[in-house]
Protein backbone atom coordinates (compact mmCIF):
# COMPACT_ATOMS: atom_id res chain seq x y z
CA MET A 1 -110.62 56.89 -76.77
CA LEU A 2 -107.32 57.87 -78.37
CA ALA A 3 -105.45 55.76 -75.84
CA LEU A 4 -107.71 52.79 -76.53
CA LEU A 5 -107.26 53.25 -80.28
CA GLU A 6 -103.50 53.23 -79.94
CA ALA A 7 -103.54 50.21 -77.63
CA LEU A 8 -105.78 48.32 -80.08
CA ALA A 9 -103.70 49.35 -83.09
CA GLU A 10 -100.77 47.44 -81.60
CA ARG A 11 -102.91 44.31 -81.55
CA CYS A 12 -105.29 44.52 -84.55
CA GLU A 13 -106.25 46.57 -87.61
CA VAL A 14 -108.31 49.63 -86.66
CA ASP A 15 -110.43 52.02 -88.74
CA VAL A 16 -112.29 55.02 -87.32
CA LEU A 17 -115.70 56.42 -88.26
CA ALA A 18 -116.46 59.67 -86.44
CA LEU A 19 -119.28 62.18 -86.20
CA ALA A 20 -117.73 65.68 -86.29
CA ARG A 21 -119.59 68.88 -85.51
CA GLU A 22 -116.98 71.46 -84.57
CA GLU A 23 -114.36 73.12 -86.74
CA ARG A 24 -111.60 71.99 -84.36
CA ASP A 25 -112.56 68.39 -85.12
CA ARG A 26 -110.75 68.79 -88.46
CA GLU A 27 -107.48 69.09 -86.54
CA ALA A 28 -108.34 65.96 -84.56
CA VAL A 29 -109.08 64.01 -87.74
CA ALA A 30 -105.79 65.18 -89.28
CA ALA A 31 -103.90 64.19 -86.13
CA LEU A 32 -105.42 60.69 -86.18
CA ARG A 33 -104.47 60.28 -89.82
CA GLU A 34 -100.91 61.38 -89.06
CA ARG A 35 -100.79 58.57 -86.49
CA GLY A 36 -101.66 56.10 -89.24
CA PHE A 37 -105.38 55.54 -88.68
CA ASP A 38 -107.87 55.15 -91.53
CA VAL A 39 -110.36 57.87 -90.52
CA GLU A 40 -113.68 58.76 -92.11
CA ALA A 41 -115.33 61.79 -90.53
CA VAL A 42 -118.94 62.77 -91.17
CA PHE A 43 -118.96 66.56 -90.83
CA GLU A 44 -122.29 68.23 -90.22
CA GLU A 45 -123.70 71.04 -88.11
CA GLN A 46 -125.39 70.49 -84.79
CA PRO A 47 -129.05 69.54 -85.30
CA SER A 48 -131.46 72.44 -84.98
CA PRO A 49 -133.52 72.86 -81.81
CA VAL A 50 -136.58 71.98 -83.90
CA ALA A 51 -135.02 68.69 -85.03
CA ILE A 52 -134.01 67.83 -81.48
CA ALA A 53 -137.48 68.71 -80.17
CA ARG A 54 -139.04 66.54 -82.88
CA GLY A 55 -136.94 63.57 -81.74
CA VAL A 56 -137.80 64.16 -78.09
CA ALA A 57 -141.50 64.44 -78.99
CA ARG A 58 -141.25 60.98 -80.58
CA GLY A 59 -140.02 59.57 -77.27
CA SER A 60 -136.24 59.93 -77.58
CA SER A 61 -134.06 61.17 -74.78
CA LEU A 62 -132.42 64.52 -75.35
CA TYR A 63 -129.10 62.68 -75.02
CA LEU A 64 -129.69 60.47 -78.08
CA ALA A 65 -131.63 63.07 -80.10
CA LYS A 66 -128.63 65.42 -80.08
CA TYR A 67 -126.44 62.76 -81.72
CA ARG A 68 -128.86 61.32 -84.27
CA SER A 69 -127.53 61.76 -87.80
CA ARG A 70 -128.91 60.24 -90.98
CA ARG A 71 -125.62 60.84 -92.81
CA PHE A 72 -123.62 59.10 -90.11
CA GLY A 73 -125.92 56.09 -90.21
CA GLU A 74 -125.58 55.92 -93.99
CA ALA A 75 -121.79 56.14 -93.78
CA LEU A 76 -121.72 53.29 -91.28
CA ALA A 77 -123.97 51.08 -93.39
CA ALA A 78 -121.84 51.80 -96.49
CA ARG A 79 -118.66 50.81 -94.66
CA LEU A 80 -120.17 47.55 -93.50
CA ARG A 81 -121.30 46.75 -97.04
CA ALA A 82 -117.91 47.57 -98.57
CA SER A 83 -115.58 45.92 -96.05
CA ARG A 84 -115.59 42.87 -93.84
CA TYR A 85 -115.22 44.02 -90.27
CA ASP A 86 -115.10 41.49 -87.48
CA VAL A 87 -115.98 43.97 -84.73
CA VAL A 88 -117.80 47.31 -84.64
CA GLN A 89 -117.03 49.05 -81.34
CA CYS A 90 -119.38 51.88 -80.42
CA GLU A 91 -118.15 54.53 -78.00
CA TYR A 92 -121.03 55.67 -75.77
CA PRO A 93 -124.71 54.74 -76.27
CA TYR A 94 -125.17 57.69 -78.64
CA THR A 95 -123.16 55.79 -81.26
CA GLY A 96 -124.61 52.50 -80.04
CA GLN A 97 -128.04 53.69 -81.17
CA TYR A 98 -126.97 53.09 -84.78
CA ARG A 99 -126.95 49.35 -84.10
CA LEU A 100 -130.74 49.49 -83.97
CA SER A 101 -131.05 50.90 -87.50
CA THR A 102 -128.07 49.35 -89.31
CA PRO A 103 -128.67 46.33 -91.59
CA ARG A 104 -127.30 43.05 -90.32
CA SER A 105 -123.76 42.08 -91.30
CA GLY A 106 -121.24 39.52 -90.15
CA ALA A 107 -119.65 41.93 -87.68
CA ARG A 108 -119.92 41.54 -83.93
CA TRP A 109 -121.03 44.70 -82.12
CA VAL A 110 -119.46 45.91 -78.87
CA LEU A 111 -120.68 48.86 -76.81
CA ASP A 112 -118.04 50.69 -74.77
CA ALA A 113 -120.50 52.27 -72.35
CA HIS A 114 -118.18 54.78 -70.57
CA ASN A 115 -121.04 55.66 -68.16
CA VAL A 116 -124.41 54.37 -67.03
CA GLU A 117 -126.31 57.22 -68.63
CA HIS A 118 -129.68 56.83 -66.92
CA SER A 119 -127.94 56.75 -63.52
CA LEU A 120 -126.00 59.91 -64.37
CA SER A 121 -129.22 61.61 -65.50
CA ARG A 122 -130.97 60.68 -62.25
CA GLN A 123 -128.13 62.06 -60.14
CA LEU A 124 -128.09 65.34 -62.05
CA GLY A 125 -131.86 65.63 -61.72
CA GLU A 126 -131.66 65.20 -57.97
CA LEU A 127 -128.81 67.67 -57.69
CA SER A 128 -130.13 70.41 -59.98
CA GLY A 129 -133.86 69.97 -59.42
CA GLN A 130 -134.03 71.25 -55.86
CA GLY A 131 -136.65 74.01 -55.82
CA ARG A 132 -137.22 73.66 -59.59
CA PRO A 133 -140.37 71.54 -60.11
CA ILE A 134 -140.42 71.93 -63.91
CA TYR A 135 -136.80 70.80 -64.16
CA ARG A 136 -137.55 67.82 -61.92
CA LEU A 137 -140.33 66.76 -64.31
CA TYR A 138 -137.96 67.05 -67.27
CA ALA A 139 -135.23 65.12 -65.43
CA ARG A 140 -137.60 62.26 -64.56
CA ARG A 141 -138.70 62.03 -68.18
CA GLU A 142 -135.10 62.16 -69.48
CA THR A 143 -133.93 59.52 -66.99
CA ALA A 144 -136.75 57.15 -67.95
CA ALA A 145 -136.01 57.62 -71.68
CA ARG A 146 -132.27 57.05 -71.20
CA ARG A 147 -132.92 53.90 -69.21
CA ARG A 148 -135.25 52.51 -71.87
CA GLU A 149 -132.75 53.33 -74.61
CA GLU A 150 -129.77 51.89 -72.73
CA VAL A 151 -131.67 48.65 -72.18
CA ASN A 152 -132.56 48.37 -75.88
CA ILE A 153 -129.04 49.22 -77.07
CA CYS A 154 -127.38 46.79 -74.64
CA ARG A 155 -129.74 44.00 -75.71
CA ALA A 156 -128.83 44.62 -79.36
CA MET A 157 -125.09 44.25 -78.73
CA ASP A 158 -122.97 41.13 -78.84
CA ALA A 159 -120.96 42.44 -75.87
CA VAL A 160 -121.01 45.43 -73.52
CA VAL A 161 -117.96 46.93 -71.83
CA THR A 162 -118.03 49.05 -68.67
CA VAL A 163 -115.16 50.85 -66.97
CA SER A 164 -115.86 49.65 -63.43
CA GLU A 165 -117.52 46.92 -61.37
CA ASN A 166 -120.03 49.51 -60.14
CA ASP A 167 -121.18 50.26 -63.69
CA ARG A 168 -121.19 46.57 -64.58
CA ALA A 169 -123.56 45.84 -61.71
CA ALA A 170 -125.76 48.86 -62.51
CA LEU A 171 -126.27 47.84 -66.14
CA ALA A 172 -126.75 44.16 -65.28
CA ALA A 173 -129.48 45.18 -62.82
CA VAL A 174 -131.61 46.80 -65.55
CA VAL A 175 -130.81 44.40 -68.43
CA PRO A 176 -131.63 40.86 -67.28
CA GLY A 177 -129.09 38.34 -68.50
CA LEU A 178 -126.51 40.98 -69.48
CA ARG A 179 -122.95 40.15 -68.44
CA PRO A 180 -120.82 43.23 -69.18
CA ALA A 181 -117.04 42.94 -69.32
CA VAL A 182 -115.02 45.37 -67.21
CA VAL A 183 -112.17 47.20 -68.93
CA ALA A 184 -110.96 49.95 -66.63
CA ASN A 185 -109.93 53.38 -67.85
CA GLY A 186 -106.20 53.94 -67.90
CA VAL A 187 -103.49 56.56 -68.09
CA ASP A 188 -100.33 57.08 -70.14
CA LEU A 189 -97.77 56.29 -67.45
CA ASP A 190 -94.82 57.45 -69.54
CA ARG A 191 -96.24 60.86 -70.35
CA PHE A 192 -98.00 61.56 -67.03
CA SER A 193 -95.13 61.41 -64.58
CA PRO A 194 -94.16 63.37 -61.44
CA ASP A 195 -91.74 66.31 -61.64
CA ARG A 196 -91.14 67.85 -58.21
CA GLU A 197 -88.94 70.58 -59.68
CA ARG A 198 -92.00 72.09 -61.40
CA GLU A 199 -94.01 72.41 -58.17
CA SER A 200 -95.28 75.94 -57.56
CA ALA A 201 -93.69 78.02 -54.83
CA ARG A 202 -97.13 78.96 -53.48
CA PRO A 203 -99.96 76.63 -52.39
CA THR A 204 -102.08 75.92 -55.47
CA GLY A 205 -104.94 73.68 -56.39
CA VAL A 206 -105.94 72.68 -59.91
CA PHE A 207 -109.33 71.79 -61.32
CA VAL A 208 -109.27 70.06 -64.72
CA GLY A 209 -112.35 69.19 -66.72
CA LYS A 210 -114.59 69.69 -69.71
CA LEU A 211 -116.40 72.88 -68.82
CA ASP A 212 -119.66 72.16 -70.61
CA TYR A 213 -120.12 68.77 -68.92
CA ARG A 214 -122.80 69.19 -66.29
CA PRO A 215 -121.13 67.24 -63.43
CA ASN A 216 -118.01 69.41 -63.91
CA VAL A 217 -120.07 72.60 -64.05
CA ASP A 218 -121.78 71.74 -60.76
CA ALA A 219 -118.45 70.80 -59.17
CA LEU A 220 -116.79 74.04 -60.23
CA ARG A 221 -119.69 76.18 -59.02
CA TRP A 222 -119.49 74.52 -55.59
CA LEU A 223 -115.70 74.76 -55.55
CA THR A 224 -115.44 78.47 -56.39
CA SER A 225 -118.40 79.68 -54.34
CA ALA A 226 -117.96 77.70 -51.12
CA ILE A 227 -114.83 75.57 -50.88
CA VAL A 228 -112.10 77.98 -52.04
CA PRO A 229 -113.24 80.81 -49.71
CA GLN A 230 -112.94 78.43 -46.74
CA VAL A 231 -109.48 77.28 -47.80
CA ARG A 232 -108.32 80.89 -48.19
CA ARG A 233 -109.51 81.76 -44.70
CA ARG A 234 -106.86 79.31 -43.45
CA ILE A 235 -104.32 79.85 -46.25
CA PRO A 236 -104.75 83.38 -47.70
CA GLU A 237 -102.17 82.79 -50.47
CA PHE A 238 -103.94 79.68 -51.82
CA GLU A 239 -104.86 79.89 -55.52
CA LEU A 240 -107.12 77.64 -57.59
CA ILE A 241 -106.22 77.15 -61.26
CA VAL A 242 -109.13 76.20 -63.56
CA VAL A 243 -108.14 74.32 -66.73
CA GLY A 244 -110.53 73.01 -69.35
CA SER A 245 -112.28 73.45 -72.66
CA GLY A 246 -115.93 73.84 -73.57
CA ASP A 247 -118.54 76.57 -73.35
CA SER A 248 -117.04 78.66 -70.55
CA ARG A 249 -119.34 81.73 -70.57
CA HIS A 250 -120.84 80.94 -67.18
CA VAL A 251 -117.67 79.40 -65.78
CA GLU A 252 -115.56 82.50 -66.35
CA SER A 253 -117.87 84.56 -64.14
CA TRP A 254 -117.37 82.13 -61.24
CA CYS A 255 -113.63 82.29 -61.78
CA ARG A 256 -113.55 85.99 -60.93
CA GLU A 257 -113.77 85.06 -57.24
CA PRO A 258 -110.68 85.95 -55.17
CA GLY A 259 -108.02 83.26 -55.34
CA VAL A 260 -109.32 81.72 -58.57
CA ARG A 261 -107.48 81.94 -61.90
CA PHE A 262 -109.12 80.80 -65.12
CA VAL A 263 -106.71 79.30 -67.66
CA GLY A 264 -109.21 77.67 -70.03
CA PRO A 265 -108.23 75.25 -72.79
CA VAL A 266 -104.59 74.15 -72.97
CA GLU A 267 -102.54 71.96 -75.27
CA ASP A 268 -101.37 69.83 -72.35
CA VAL A 269 -102.72 69.55 -68.79
CA LEU A 270 -99.59 67.82 -67.47
CA PRO A 271 -97.59 70.97 -66.53
CA HIS A 272 -100.55 72.26 -64.52
CA LEU A 273 -100.82 68.96 -62.63
CA GLN A 274 -97.09 68.90 -61.95
CA GLU A 275 -97.10 72.48 -60.66
CA ALA A 276 -100.14 72.14 -58.38
CA TRP A 277 -99.90 71.08 -54.77
CA VAL A 278 -103.39 69.55 -54.88
CA ALA A 279 -105.75 68.38 -57.63
CA VAL A 280 -109.41 68.86 -56.69
CA ALA A 281 -112.39 66.96 -58.09
CA PRO A 282 -115.48 67.87 -56.00
CA LEU A 283 -117.90 65.85 -58.12
CA ARG A 284 -121.41 65.30 -56.78
CA ALA A 285 -122.73 63.45 -59.84
CA GLY A 286 -121.08 61.04 -62.22
CA SER A 287 -120.77 57.59 -63.66
CA GLY A 288 -117.91 55.58 -65.11
CA THR A 289 -114.53 56.53 -63.67
CA ARG A 290 -112.71 59.86 -63.67
CA LEU A 291 -109.75 60.03 -66.03
CA LYS A 292 -108.80 63.38 -64.48
CA ILE A 293 -108.13 61.60 -61.17
CA LEU A 294 -106.00 58.89 -62.78
CA GLU A 295 -103.97 61.52 -64.64
CA ALA A 296 -103.46 63.57 -61.47
CA LEU A 297 -102.34 60.48 -59.55
CA ALA A 298 -99.96 59.50 -62.34
CA ALA A 299 -98.49 63.02 -62.36
CA GLY A 300 -97.70 62.70 -58.66
CA CYS A 301 -100.29 65.25 -57.58
CA ALA A 302 -102.16 64.69 -54.30
CA VAL A 303 -105.91 64.49 -54.92
CA VAL A 304 -108.99 65.53 -52.95
CA THR A 305 -112.32 64.26 -54.24
CA THR A 306 -115.77 63.10 -53.15
CA PRO A 307 -117.20 59.59 -52.74
CA VAL A 308 -118.71 60.00 -56.23
CA GLY A 309 -115.36 61.19 -57.59
CA HIS A 310 -113.43 58.02 -56.82
CA GLU A 311 -116.34 55.61 -57.25
CA GLY A 312 -115.33 52.67 -59.40
CA LEU A 313 -111.59 53.20 -58.89
CA GLU A 314 -109.46 50.95 -56.71
CA THR A 315 -108.36 53.94 -54.67
CA VAL A 316 -108.50 53.81 -50.89
CA ALA A 317 -109.50 56.96 -49.02
CA ASP A 318 -106.71 58.48 -46.88
CA LYS A 319 -104.15 56.29 -48.64
CA HIS A 320 -104.20 57.10 -52.36
CA LEU A 321 -106.25 60.32 -52.03
CA LEU A 322 -108.39 62.24 -49.55
CA VAL A 323 -112.18 62.02 -49.72
CA ALA A 324 -114.81 64.42 -48.36
CA SER A 325 -118.51 64.84 -49.07
CA ASP A 326 -119.34 68.29 -47.66
CA THR A 327 -117.94 71.80 -47.92
CA ASP A 328 -116.21 71.86 -44.53
CA GLY A 329 -114.60 68.46 -45.00
CA PHE A 330 -113.44 69.19 -48.53
CA ALA A 331 -111.91 72.54 -47.58
CA GLU A 332 -110.23 70.95 -44.55
CA SER A 333 -108.72 68.18 -46.74
CA VAL A 334 -107.31 70.68 -49.23
CA ALA A 335 -105.86 72.78 -46.42
CA ARG A 336 -104.29 69.73 -44.75
CA LEU A 337 -102.47 68.72 -47.92
CA CYS A 338 -101.16 72.26 -48.35
CA LEU A 339 -100.06 72.65 -44.74
CA GLU A 340 -98.65 69.13 -44.22
CA PRO A 341 -96.01 68.44 -46.90
CA GLU A 342 -95.23 64.96 -45.55
CA LEU A 343 -98.88 63.95 -45.88
CA ARG A 344 -99.03 65.47 -49.37
CA LEU A 345 -95.97 63.52 -50.55
CA ARG A 346 -97.13 60.26 -48.94
CA VAL A 347 -100.56 60.43 -50.59
CA ALA A 348 -99.07 61.45 -53.95
CA HIS A 349 -96.54 58.59 -53.86
CA ALA A 350 -99.21 56.01 -53.00
CA GLY A 351 -101.44 57.28 -55.80
CA ARG A 352 -98.66 57.00 -58.37
CA GLU A 353 -97.87 53.45 -57.24
CA LEU A 354 -101.51 52.44 -57.64
CA VAL A 355 -101.83 53.66 -61.24
CA GLU A 356 -98.55 51.96 -62.15
CA GLN A 357 -99.93 48.66 -60.88
CA ARG A 358 -103.54 48.88 -62.13
CA TYR A 359 -104.17 51.50 -64.77
CA GLY A 360 -101.84 51.24 -67.75
CA TRP A 361 -103.55 51.43 -71.16
CA GLY A 362 -101.74 48.30 -72.35
CA ARG A 363 -103.79 46.24 -69.90
CA ALA A 364 -107.01 47.74 -71.32
CA GLY A 365 -105.94 46.83 -74.86
CA ASP A 366 -105.21 43.24 -73.83
CA LEU A 367 -108.60 42.88 -72.16
CA LEU A 368 -110.48 44.23 -75.18
CA VAL A 369 -108.69 41.94 -77.63
CA THR A 370 -109.40 38.97 -75.37
CA LEU A 371 -113.06 39.97 -75.50
CA TYR A 372 -112.96 40.20 -79.31
CA GLU A 373 -111.32 36.80 -79.58
CA GLY A 374 -114.16 35.36 -77.54
CA LEU A 375 -116.59 36.72 -80.15
CA ILE A 376 -114.71 35.92 -83.36
CA ASP A 377 -111.58 34.22 -84.69
CA ARG A 378 -109.96 37.15 -86.54
CA VAL A 379 -110.16 40.83 -85.61
CA GLU A 380 -110.43 43.93 -87.76
CA VAL A 381 -112.06 46.71 -85.79
CA SER A 382 -114.15 49.72 -86.74
CA CYS A 383 -114.22 52.12 -83.78
CA LEU A 384 -116.97 54.72 -83.75
CA GLY A 385 -116.26 58.04 -81.98
CA GLY A 386 -118.66 60.90 -81.41
């Protein structure tokens, strides 16, 4: 979202309204203001379990109930009354829900969907519900609620943006008549660049991700319990580095396995990508496209992922990255890249070339502004961020 904000700021006037619920968000707000953005942040605590349960009991998904805020809705309505915005861009459906309760104004509303949330919920239910009948019931209910909400939110928008053709087709299939625009995720090609001199002297893999995001949690559990042990049977000196922020109480216990080192939150992931021989993304659930893969490719790091991991990207298996869907195949792919330096360099070089050609943020900014211009004549944008 920061990259999109900066790309848009070069092309139009951008204000930011954000819902903030963690103390560290104050630093993020200050950093945005230092970059010249007009930022209004609505600070409030996470809703209580009772409040969330009340919303769910009224038919809401857990996903939307967690991000429902009366104060945020009031702040949005006040901004629209006080200023003439041409476009209100909502990041994720959980900010898009405010379209349904906000009084009409002259602004055009755009949803930047990021994911197809009901599809993601269904995948997680199938993955985590094995042998857990109560969880399966919950997952079916949550998936149905998310689908209903996504349909209603998309219908209320003037335009919907997805990050891939796969997501465009998935949303169009459940919202008759919807024609989403595709604006692919990107990467900062100047900042994320290869540096072979930083490469570790020992074979290393790196896992990067938000550690309280359920697809990442599942991926890391599979990686540490099954994949890394197989790799180390072939390459005893192999080490996996785990980098990411979020609630890491459970994650840290998995990272006590031999050959796994937990780093946690960092100021910058780039040095870890440049040092690693292989970036691993064993995702078995997901939607949208994976920024972590684009950043690894831009940094010149060879990538191993799953079919889900590179879904929606223009990557070609065995050319830009290696792809495997089971434990044996994934471990074999990681080992190959470590043991075959020519293969590792060839894959890394092809991946970097692809992101240079297809995934710069400037292209995303141009596509969004073209979309805005199709909706209105003049553009002043209010971007909502959760």
